[in-house]
Structure formats: C-alpha cells, structure tokens
N, C-alpha and C. Protein backbone atom coordinates (compact mmCIF):
# COMPACT_ATOMS: atom_id res chain seq x y z
N MET A 1 0.85 -1.17 0.00
CA MET A 1 0.00 0.00 0.00
C MET A 1 0.90 1.24 0.00
N SER A 2 0.51 2.24 -0.77
CA SER A 2 1.30 3.47 -0.84
C SER A 2 1.20 4.24 0.47
N ASP A 3 2.19 5.08 0.70
CA ASP A 3 2.17 5.92 1.90
C ASP A 3 0.95 6.82 1.93
N GLU A 4 0.58 7.37 0.76
CA GLU A 4 -0.57 8.28 0.75
C GLU A 4 -1.88 7.55 1.05
N ARG A 5 -2.03 6.34 0.57
CA ARG A 5 -3.23 5.55 0.90
C ARG A 5 -3.23 5.19 2.38
N GLY A 6 -2.07 4.84 2.92
CA GLY A 6 -1.97 4.54 4.34
C GLY A 6 -2.34 5.74 5.19
N LEU A 7 -1.85 6.91 4.81
CA LEU A 7 -2.18 8.13 5.56
C LEU A 7 -3.67 8.46 5.42
N LEU A 8 -4.22 8.26 4.24
CA LEU A 8 -5.65 8.51 4.04
C LEU A 8 -6.49 7.55 4.88
N ARG A 9 -6.09 6.30 4.98
CA ARG A 9 -6.80 5.34 5.82
C ARG A 9 -6.70 5.74 7.30
N HIS A 10 -5.54 6.26 7.70
CA HIS A 10 -5.39 6.70 9.08
C HIS A 10 -6.26 7.93 9.36
N ALA A 11 -6.33 8.85 8.40
CA ALA A 11 -7.21 10.01 8.55
C ALA A 11 -8.66 9.57 8.67
N LEU A 12 -9.05 8.59 7.89
CA LEU A 12 -10.42 8.07 7.96
C LEU A 12 -10.67 7.39 9.31
N ALA A 13 -9.70 6.65 9.82
CA ALA A 13 -9.84 6.03 11.14
C ALA A 13 -9.93 7.09 12.22
N THR A 14 -9.19 8.19 12.06
CA THR A 14 -9.27 9.31 13.00
C THR A 14 -10.68 9.91 12.99
N LEU A 15 -11.21 10.10 11.80
CA LEU A 15 -12.58 10.61 11.67
C LEU A 15 -13.56 9.66 12.36
N ALA A 16 -13.43 8.36 12.11
CA ALA A 16 -14.35 7.39 12.72
C ALA A 16 -14.24 7.40 14.24
N TYR A 17 -13.02 7.47 14.75
CA TYR A 17 -12.81 7.49 16.20
C TYR A 17 -13.49 8.71 16.82
N ARG A 18 -13.22 9.86 16.23
CA ARG A 18 -13.78 11.10 16.79
C ARG A 18 -15.29 11.18 16.61
N ALA A 19 -15.79 10.72 15.46
CA ALA A 19 -17.24 10.73 15.24
C ALA A 19 -17.94 9.76 16.18
N SER A 20 -17.32 8.62 16.44
CA SER A 20 -17.90 7.66 17.38
C SER A 20 -18.03 8.29 18.76
N LYS A 21 -16.99 8.99 19.16
CA LYS A 21 -17.01 9.63 20.47
C LYS A 21 -18.08 10.74 20.52
N ALA A 22 -18.20 11.51 19.45
CA ALA A 22 -19.15 12.62 19.41
C ALA A 22 -20.61 12.16 19.38
N THR A 23 -20.84 10.96 18.86
CA THR A 23 -22.22 10.48 18.73
C THR A 23 -22.64 9.52 19.84
N ARG A 24 -21.68 8.87 20.46
CA ARG A 24 -21.97 7.85 21.48
C ARG A 24 -22.66 8.46 22.70
N GLY A 25 -23.75 7.87 23.11
CA GLY A 25 -24.44 8.29 24.33
C GLY A 25 -25.20 9.59 24.22
N ALA A 26 -25.43 10.07 23.01
CA ALA A 26 -26.22 11.30 22.87
C ALA A 26 -27.66 11.04 23.31
N PRO A 27 -28.22 11.94 24.10
CA PRO A 27 -29.61 11.73 24.53
C PRO A 27 -30.57 11.86 23.34
N PRO A 28 -31.74 11.27 23.41
CA PRO A 28 -32.69 11.32 22.29
C PRO A 28 -33.02 12.74 21.82
N SER A 29 -33.07 13.67 22.73
CA SER A 29 -33.41 15.05 22.37
C SER A 29 -32.31 15.74 21.57
N PHE A 30 -31.09 15.21 21.60
CA PHE A 30 -29.97 15.86 20.94
C PHE A 30 -30.16 15.99 19.43
N ALA A 31 -30.73 15.01 18.79
CA ALA A 31 -30.87 15.00 17.33
C ALA A 31 -31.56 16.25 16.80
N ALA A 32 -32.50 16.77 17.53
CA ALA A 32 -33.29 17.92 17.07
C ALA A 32 -32.84 19.25 17.66
N LEU A 33 -31.75 19.27 18.40
CA LEU A 33 -31.28 20.51 19.02
C LEU A 33 -31.04 21.58 17.96
N ARG A 34 -31.60 22.74 18.19
CA ARG A 34 -31.39 23.86 17.27
C ARG A 34 -30.89 25.04 18.09
N VAL A 35 -29.73 25.57 17.73
CA VAL A 35 -29.15 26.69 18.48
C VAL A 35 -29.33 28.02 17.77
N GLY A 36 -29.88 28.00 16.58
CA GLY A 36 -30.14 29.24 15.85
C GLY A 36 -31.04 28.97 14.67
N ASP A 37 -31.62 30.04 14.13
CA ASP A 37 -32.56 29.90 13.02
C ASP A 37 -31.93 29.32 11.75
N SER A 38 -30.66 29.58 11.54
CA SER A 38 -30.02 29.14 10.29
C SER A 38 -29.01 28.02 10.50
N THR A 39 -29.04 27.38 11.67
CA THR A 39 -28.09 26.30 11.92
C THR A 39 -28.73 24.94 11.65
N ARG A 40 -27.87 23.99 11.35
CA ARG A 40 -28.32 22.61 11.18
C ARG A 40 -28.53 21.98 12.55
N THR A 41 -29.49 21.08 12.62
CA THR A 41 -29.64 20.26 13.82
C THR A 41 -28.56 19.17 13.79
N PRO A 42 -28.27 18.54 14.91
CA PRO A 42 -27.29 17.46 14.89
C PRO A 42 -27.62 16.34 13.91
N VAL A 43 -28.89 15.98 13.77
CA VAL A 43 -29.22 14.91 12.82
C VAL A 43 -28.98 15.38 11.38
N GLN A 44 -29.16 16.67 11.11
CA GLN A 44 -28.84 17.19 9.79
C GLN A 44 -27.32 17.18 9.56
N VAL A 45 -26.55 17.47 10.59
CA VAL A 45 -25.09 17.44 10.48
C VAL A 45 -24.62 16.02 10.21
N ILE A 46 -25.14 15.05 10.95
CA ILE A 46 -24.68 13.67 10.76
C ILE A 46 -25.13 13.14 9.40
N ALA A 47 -26.30 13.56 8.92
CA ALA A 47 -26.74 13.16 7.57
C ALA A 47 -25.78 13.74 6.52
N HIS A 48 -25.38 14.98 6.71
CA HIS A 48 -24.43 15.61 5.79
C HIS A 48 -23.09 14.86 5.82
N MET A 49 -22.66 14.45 7.00
CA MET A 49 -21.42 13.68 7.10
C MET A 49 -21.53 12.35 6.34
N GLY A 50 -22.69 11.71 6.42
CA GLY A 50 -22.91 10.49 5.64
C GLY A 50 -22.83 10.77 4.15
N ASP A 51 -23.42 11.90 3.73
CA ASP A 51 -23.33 12.31 2.32
C ASP A 51 -21.88 12.55 1.91
N LEU A 52 -21.10 13.16 2.80
CA LEU A 52 -19.69 13.40 2.50
C LEU A 52 -18.94 12.09 2.31
N MET A 53 -19.21 11.11 3.16
CA MET A 53 -18.52 9.83 3.02
C MET A 53 -18.98 9.08 1.78
N ASP A 54 -20.27 9.21 1.43
CA ASP A 54 -20.74 8.62 0.17
C ASP A 54 -20.03 9.28 -1.02
N TRP A 55 -19.83 10.59 -0.94
CA TRP A 55 -19.11 11.32 -1.99
C TRP A 55 -17.67 10.83 -2.08
N ALA A 56 -17.01 10.70 -0.92
CA ALA A 56 -15.63 10.20 -0.91
C ALA A 56 -15.55 8.82 -1.54
N LEU A 57 -16.51 7.97 -1.22
CA LEU A 57 -16.54 6.62 -1.78
C LEU A 57 -16.71 6.69 -3.30
N SER A 58 -17.58 7.56 -3.78
CA SER A 58 -17.76 7.70 -5.23
C SER A 58 -16.49 8.24 -5.89
N MET A 59 -15.79 9.14 -5.22
CA MET A 59 -14.52 9.64 -5.75
C MET A 59 -13.50 8.52 -5.84
N ALA A 60 -13.39 7.74 -4.78
CA ALA A 60 -12.42 6.65 -4.73
C ALA A 60 -12.70 5.61 -5.81
N ARG A 61 -13.97 5.43 -6.14
CA ARG A 61 -14.35 4.46 -7.17
C ARG A 61 -14.31 5.04 -8.57
N GLY A 62 -14.05 6.36 -8.70
CA GLY A 62 -13.91 6.98 -10.01
C GLY A 62 -15.20 7.40 -10.66
N ALA A 63 -16.27 7.51 -9.92
CA ALA A 63 -17.58 7.92 -10.45
C ALA A 63 -18.17 8.97 -9.51
N GLN A 64 -17.50 10.10 -9.41
CA GLN A 64 -17.86 11.12 -8.44
C GLN A 64 -19.33 11.53 -8.55
N ALA A 65 -20.02 11.48 -7.41
CA ALA A 65 -21.43 11.85 -7.37
C ALA A 65 -21.74 12.45 -6.00
N TRP A 66 -22.62 13.44 -5.99
CA TRP A 66 -23.07 14.07 -4.75
C TRP A 66 -24.56 13.89 -4.62
N HIS A 67 -24.99 13.66 -3.38
CA HIS A 67 -26.43 13.54 -3.10
C HIS A 67 -26.71 14.18 -1.75
N ASP A 68 -27.70 15.06 -1.69
CA ASP A 68 -28.18 15.62 -0.42
C ASP A 68 -29.29 14.73 0.10
N SER A 69 -29.02 14.03 1.18
CA SER A 69 -30.00 13.12 1.75
C SER A 69 -30.93 13.84 2.70
N GLU A 70 -32.17 13.40 2.74
CA GLU A 70 -33.10 13.83 3.78
C GLU A 70 -32.71 13.05 5.03
N PRO A 71 -32.54 13.73 6.15
CA PRO A 71 -32.12 13.02 7.36
C PRO A 71 -33.12 11.94 7.80
N LEU A 72 -32.55 10.83 8.19
CA LEU A 72 -33.30 9.74 8.81
C LEU A 72 -33.30 9.98 10.31
N ALA A 73 -33.75 9.03 11.09
CA ALA A 73 -33.66 9.11 12.54
C ALA A 73 -32.18 9.08 12.94
N TRP A 74 -31.85 9.63 14.10
CA TRP A 74 -30.48 9.74 14.58
C TRP A 74 -29.70 8.43 14.47
N ASP A 75 -30.22 7.35 15.05
CA ASP A 75 -29.50 6.07 15.05
C ASP A 75 -29.26 5.57 13.63
N ALA A 76 -30.23 5.77 12.74
CA ALA A 76 -30.07 5.35 11.35
C ALA A 76 -29.00 6.17 10.65
N GLU A 77 -28.94 7.46 10.93
CA GLU A 77 -27.91 8.30 10.31
C GLU A 77 -26.52 7.96 10.84
N VAL A 78 -26.42 7.69 12.13
CA VAL A 78 -25.12 7.29 12.69
C VAL A 78 -24.67 5.98 12.03
N ALA A 79 -25.58 5.03 11.91
CA ALA A 79 -25.25 3.75 11.26
C ALA A 79 -24.85 3.97 9.80
N ARG A 80 -25.54 4.85 9.11
CA ARG A 80 -25.22 5.14 7.70
C ARG A 80 -23.83 5.74 7.58
N LEU A 81 -23.48 6.65 8.47
CA LEU A 81 -22.15 7.25 8.46
C LEU A 81 -21.08 6.18 8.58
N PHE A 82 -21.21 5.31 9.58
CA PHE A 82 -20.17 4.32 9.80
C PHE A 82 -20.18 3.21 8.75
N ALA A 83 -21.30 2.94 8.13
CA ALA A 83 -21.31 2.01 6.99
C ALA A 83 -20.51 2.61 5.83
N ALA A 84 -20.65 3.91 5.63
CA ALA A 84 -19.92 4.57 4.55
C ALA A 84 -18.43 4.67 4.85
N THR A 85 -18.05 4.98 6.11
CA THR A 85 -16.62 5.04 6.41
C THR A 85 -15.99 3.66 6.28
N SER A 86 -16.71 2.64 6.68
CA SER A 86 -16.19 1.27 6.55
C SER A 86 -16.04 0.88 5.08
N ALA A 87 -17.03 1.22 4.26
CA ALA A 87 -16.97 0.90 2.83
C ALA A 87 -15.81 1.66 2.17
N LEU A 88 -15.61 2.91 2.55
CA LEU A 88 -14.50 3.68 1.99
C LEU A 88 -13.17 3.05 2.39
N ASP A 89 -13.05 2.63 3.64
CA ASP A 89 -11.80 2.01 4.08
C ASP A 89 -11.52 0.74 3.29
N GLU A 90 -12.55 -0.04 3.01
CA GLU A 90 -12.36 -1.27 2.21
C GLU A 90 -11.79 -0.95 0.84
N VAL A 91 -12.30 0.10 0.21
CA VAL A 91 -11.80 0.50 -1.11
C VAL A 91 -10.35 0.97 -0.99
N LEU A 92 -10.07 1.76 0.05
CA LEU A 92 -8.71 2.27 0.22
C LEU A 92 -7.72 1.15 0.53
N ALA A 93 -8.17 0.10 1.19
CA ALA A 93 -7.31 -1.03 1.55
C ALA A 93 -7.09 -1.99 0.38
N SER A 94 -7.92 -1.89 -0.63
CA SER A 94 -7.83 -2.81 -1.77
C SER A 94 -6.70 -2.38 -2.71
N PRO A 95 -6.29 -3.30 -3.58
CA PRO A 95 -5.24 -2.95 -4.55
C PRO A 95 -5.78 -2.17 -5.75
N ALA A 96 -7.09 -1.99 -5.83
CA ALA A 96 -7.67 -1.29 -6.98
C ALA A 96 -7.18 0.15 -7.02
N PRO A 97 -6.91 0.68 -8.21
CA PRO A 97 -6.49 2.07 -8.30
C PRO A 97 -7.60 3.01 -7.84
N LEU A 98 -7.20 4.12 -7.24
CA LEU A 98 -8.18 5.12 -6.81
C LEU A 98 -8.66 5.91 -8.01
N GLY A 99 -9.94 6.26 -8.00
CA GLY A 99 -10.51 7.06 -9.07
C GLY A 99 -10.26 8.54 -8.92
N ALA A 100 -9.69 8.95 -7.81
CA ALA A 100 -9.30 10.35 -7.55
C ALA A 100 -8.05 10.28 -6.70
N ASN A 101 -7.24 11.33 -6.75
CA ASN A 101 -6.03 11.24 -5.94
C ASN A 101 -6.36 11.42 -4.46
N ALA A 102 -5.50 10.83 -3.64
CA ALA A 102 -5.73 10.79 -2.19
C ALA A 102 -5.84 12.19 -1.59
N GLU A 103 -5.06 13.12 -2.11
CA GLU A 103 -5.12 14.49 -1.58
C GLU A 103 -6.50 15.11 -1.76
N LYS A 104 -7.12 14.88 -2.89
CA LYS A 104 -8.46 15.44 -3.15
C LYS A 104 -9.50 14.77 -2.26
N ILE A 105 -9.37 13.47 -2.05
CA ILE A 105 -10.31 12.77 -1.17
C ILE A 105 -10.18 13.30 0.25
N PHE A 106 -8.94 13.56 0.67
CA PHE A 106 -8.75 14.11 2.02
C PHE A 106 -9.25 15.54 2.11
N GLN A 107 -8.80 16.41 1.20
CA GLN A 107 -9.10 17.84 1.35
C GLN A 107 -10.57 18.18 1.17
N GLY A 108 -11.30 17.35 0.48
CA GLY A 108 -12.72 17.58 0.31
C GLY A 108 -13.53 16.92 1.41
N PRO A 109 -14.00 15.71 1.17
CA PRO A 109 -14.95 15.09 2.10
C PRO A 109 -14.42 14.74 3.49
N ILE A 110 -13.20 14.24 3.57
CA ILE A 110 -12.71 13.82 4.89
C ILE A 110 -12.45 15.02 5.79
N ALA A 111 -11.78 16.04 5.26
CA ALA A 111 -11.51 17.24 6.06
C ALA A 111 -12.82 17.93 6.45
N ASP A 112 -13.77 17.97 5.54
CA ASP A 112 -15.06 18.58 5.85
C ASP A 112 -15.76 17.82 6.97
N ALA A 113 -15.75 16.50 6.89
CA ALA A 113 -16.39 15.69 7.93
C ALA A 113 -15.72 15.87 9.28
N LEU A 114 -14.40 16.02 9.30
CA LEU A 114 -13.70 16.29 10.57
C LEU A 114 -14.18 17.60 11.19
N THR A 115 -14.42 18.60 10.36
CA THR A 115 -14.96 19.87 10.85
C THR A 115 -16.32 19.65 11.50
N HIS A 116 -17.13 18.82 10.88
CA HIS A 116 -18.48 18.57 11.41
C HIS A 116 -18.46 17.77 12.71
N VAL A 117 -17.44 16.94 12.91
CA VAL A 117 -17.30 16.26 14.20
C VAL A 117 -17.13 17.31 15.29
N GLY A 118 -16.32 18.34 15.02
CA GLY A 118 -16.16 19.42 15.98
C GLY A 118 -17.47 20.13 16.26
N GLN A 119 -18.28 20.32 15.23
CA GLN A 119 -19.59 20.94 15.44
C GLN A 119 -20.46 20.07 16.34
N LEU A 120 -20.47 18.77 16.09
CA LEU A 120 -21.28 17.88 16.93
C LEU A 120 -20.82 17.93 18.38
N THR A 121 -19.52 17.95 18.57
CA THR A 121 -18.98 18.01 19.93
C THR A 121 -19.38 19.31 20.62
N MET A 122 -19.31 20.41 19.89
CA MET A 122 -19.73 21.69 20.44
C MET A 122 -21.24 21.68 20.75
N LEU A 123 -22.03 21.10 19.84
CA LEU A 123 -23.47 21.02 20.07
C LEU A 123 -23.80 20.14 21.27
N ARG A 124 -23.02 19.09 21.48
CA ARG A 124 -23.24 18.26 22.67
C ARG A 124 -23.08 19.10 23.93
N ARG A 125 -22.07 19.96 23.97
CA ARG A 125 -21.86 20.82 25.14
C ARG A 125 -23.02 21.81 25.28
N LEU A 126 -23.43 22.41 24.18
CA LEU A 126 -24.55 23.36 24.22
C LEU A 126 -25.85 22.68 24.61
N GLY A 127 -25.98 21.41 24.27
CA GLY A 127 -27.18 20.64 24.59
C GLY A 127 -27.12 19.95 25.93
N ALA A 128 -26.17 20.33 26.77
CA ALA A 128 -26.03 19.81 28.13
C ALA A 128 -25.72 18.32 28.19
N SER A 129 -25.04 17.81 27.17
CA SER A 129 -24.56 16.41 27.19
C SER A 129 -23.14 16.39 26.63
N PRO A 130 -22.22 17.06 27.34
CA PRO A 130 -20.87 17.23 26.79
C PRO A 130 -20.10 15.92 26.62
N VAL A 131 -19.18 15.96 25.67
CA VAL A 131 -18.24 14.87 25.41
C VAL A 131 -16.94 15.25 26.10
N LYS A 132 -16.34 14.32 26.80
CA LYS A 132 -15.07 14.61 27.48
C LYS A 132 -13.97 14.89 26.46
N GLY A 133 -13.11 15.85 26.80
CA GLY A 133 -11.93 16.10 26.00
C GLY A 133 -10.99 14.91 26.08
N GLU A 134 -10.06 14.85 25.16
CA GLU A 134 -9.16 13.71 25.12
C GLU A 134 -7.84 14.11 24.48
N ASN A 135 -6.77 13.49 24.92
CA ASN A 135 -5.48 13.63 24.25
C ASN A 135 -5.50 12.65 23.07
N TYR A 136 -5.91 13.13 21.90
CA TYR A 136 -6.06 12.27 20.73
C TYR A 136 -4.72 11.76 20.20
N ALA A 137 -3.63 12.40 20.57
CA ALA A 137 -2.32 11.94 20.10
C ALA A 137 -1.95 10.58 20.69
N VAL A 138 -2.55 10.21 21.80
CA VAL A 138 -2.26 8.90 22.41
C VAL A 138 -3.42 7.91 22.23
N ALA A 139 -4.46 8.33 21.50
CA ALA A 139 -5.60 7.44 21.25
C ALA A 139 -5.16 6.25 20.40
N ALA A 140 -5.83 5.13 20.58
CA ALA A 140 -5.51 3.90 19.85
C ALA A 140 -6.20 3.90 18.48
N ILE A 141 -5.81 4.83 17.65
CA ILE A 141 -6.37 4.98 16.30
C ILE A 141 -5.44 4.28 15.33
N ALA A 142 -6.01 3.45 14.44
CA ALA A 142 -5.20 2.73 13.46
C ALA A 142 -5.98 2.54 12.18
N ALA A 143 -5.29 2.58 11.07
CA ALA A 143 -5.91 2.31 9.77
C ALA A 143 -6.67 1.00 9.85
N GLY A 144 -7.85 0.99 9.26
CA GLY A 144 -8.69 -0.20 9.28
C GLY A 144 -9.78 -0.14 10.33
N GLN A 145 -9.68 0.77 11.28
CA GLN A 145 -10.71 0.95 12.32
C GLN A 145 -11.64 2.08 11.88
N ALA A 146 -12.49 1.80 10.92
CA ALA A 146 -13.31 2.85 10.34
C ALA A 146 -14.79 2.71 10.67
N GLY A 147 -15.15 1.77 11.51
CA GLY A 147 -16.55 1.57 11.88
C GLY A 147 -16.92 2.25 13.18
N ALA A 148 -18.12 2.00 13.64
CA ALA A 148 -18.63 2.62 14.86
C ALA A 148 -17.95 2.09 16.12
N THR A 149 -17.49 0.85 16.09
CA THR A 149 -16.85 0.27 17.25
C THR A 149 -15.40 0.74 17.29
N GLN A 150 -15.06 1.43 18.36
CA GLN A 150 -13.74 2.04 18.48
C GLN A 150 -13.12 1.67 19.84
N PRO A 151 -11.80 1.74 19.94
CA PRO A 151 -11.15 1.46 21.22
C PRO A 151 -11.55 2.48 22.29
N ALA A 152 -11.45 2.07 23.53
CA ALA A 152 -11.74 2.98 24.65
C ALA A 152 -10.70 4.11 24.68
N PRO A 153 -11.10 5.28 25.13
CA PRO A 153 -10.14 6.38 25.26
C PRO A 153 -9.01 6.01 26.22
N ARG A 154 -7.82 6.50 25.92
CA ARG A 154 -6.66 6.25 26.80
C ARG A 154 -6.44 7.36 27.79
N LYS A 155 -6.72 8.62 27.41
CA LYS A 155 -6.45 9.74 28.31
C LYS A 155 -7.48 10.83 28.08
N GLU A 156 -8.57 10.76 28.83
CA GLU A 156 -9.60 11.78 28.77
C GLU A 156 -9.40 12.79 29.90
N PHE A 157 -10.02 13.94 29.72
CA PHE A 157 -10.00 14.97 30.76
C PHE A 157 -11.28 15.78 30.68
N ASP A 158 -11.58 16.50 31.77
CA ASP A 158 -12.79 17.33 31.79
C ASP A 158 -12.53 18.72 31.29
C-alpha cells in the first residue's frame, strides 16, 4: 500500500474514532437541538457527514457523485455514516487504483467531515450532554478501524 493511501486510511480512522465519540451516548433530544434559526440540527449534520462519506466513496471508485439526503432518525444516520466510512476504508485497503487522488479525497470530504465532528462536539456541550476532552495523540487509532466500534479512550479529561 502506498504511503498516501496509508495516511488517508489513518485520517479516515481518525474521523471514525472522533465521530464515534461525538455520537456515542447522545440523549434522544440531541438529534433535534437547534441553536439558531439558520443552523443545522445534529441529525442534519450527521446526515451531511454520511453524504460526505458517500461522496468520498464515489470519488475513490472513479464515479464522483453528490447527493443531499433527507435526514433519517439519529441512530439510522449514525449507522449510515459508519457504513460509509467502513466501505471507503475497504476500497482504500484494496489494490484497486483510486478514481481520484488521495489528496483530493482528504481535502474535500474527509476534512469537511472532521470539521463537522467538531460541530457535533460543540453542540453536545450546548445541549447539556458534553463529550469529554481527550489527548487524541495517544488514542488507539489505526488504519482499518473505520466503523462505529472504536477502542476505549486512553487519556480523557474534563
């Protein structure tokens, strides 16, 4: 596997780890939290993240396509996100050539989704269900861990 594919898989695993933490244990009311008239609700954010990962997957397969999904229920959207990150990781781990270069896949959908993880984390705090901070540099993140099931945090703080 090329270094760039390995780094892209690690970035995807980082996204999955952080998204898992941001979504895990969210109270039922969190999905519909609205902090302003023009802001997305958390379920709209997670649906957009699923769309981003579907876009990344289409890029990796060489048939770039974008779709704006209507949000499903929170649990369904979380499952959709992690199904897409897992499917993308499978493509990245395969010997098949990428349909787009790794830099474009990172700078577009993956970087955008990482931004949205930060939004979800901030919304959790605003919605009175904060996520603990963590020293992510020591987290057990590894290429291939792109699903919802992630290792336990190693060093959290309040």
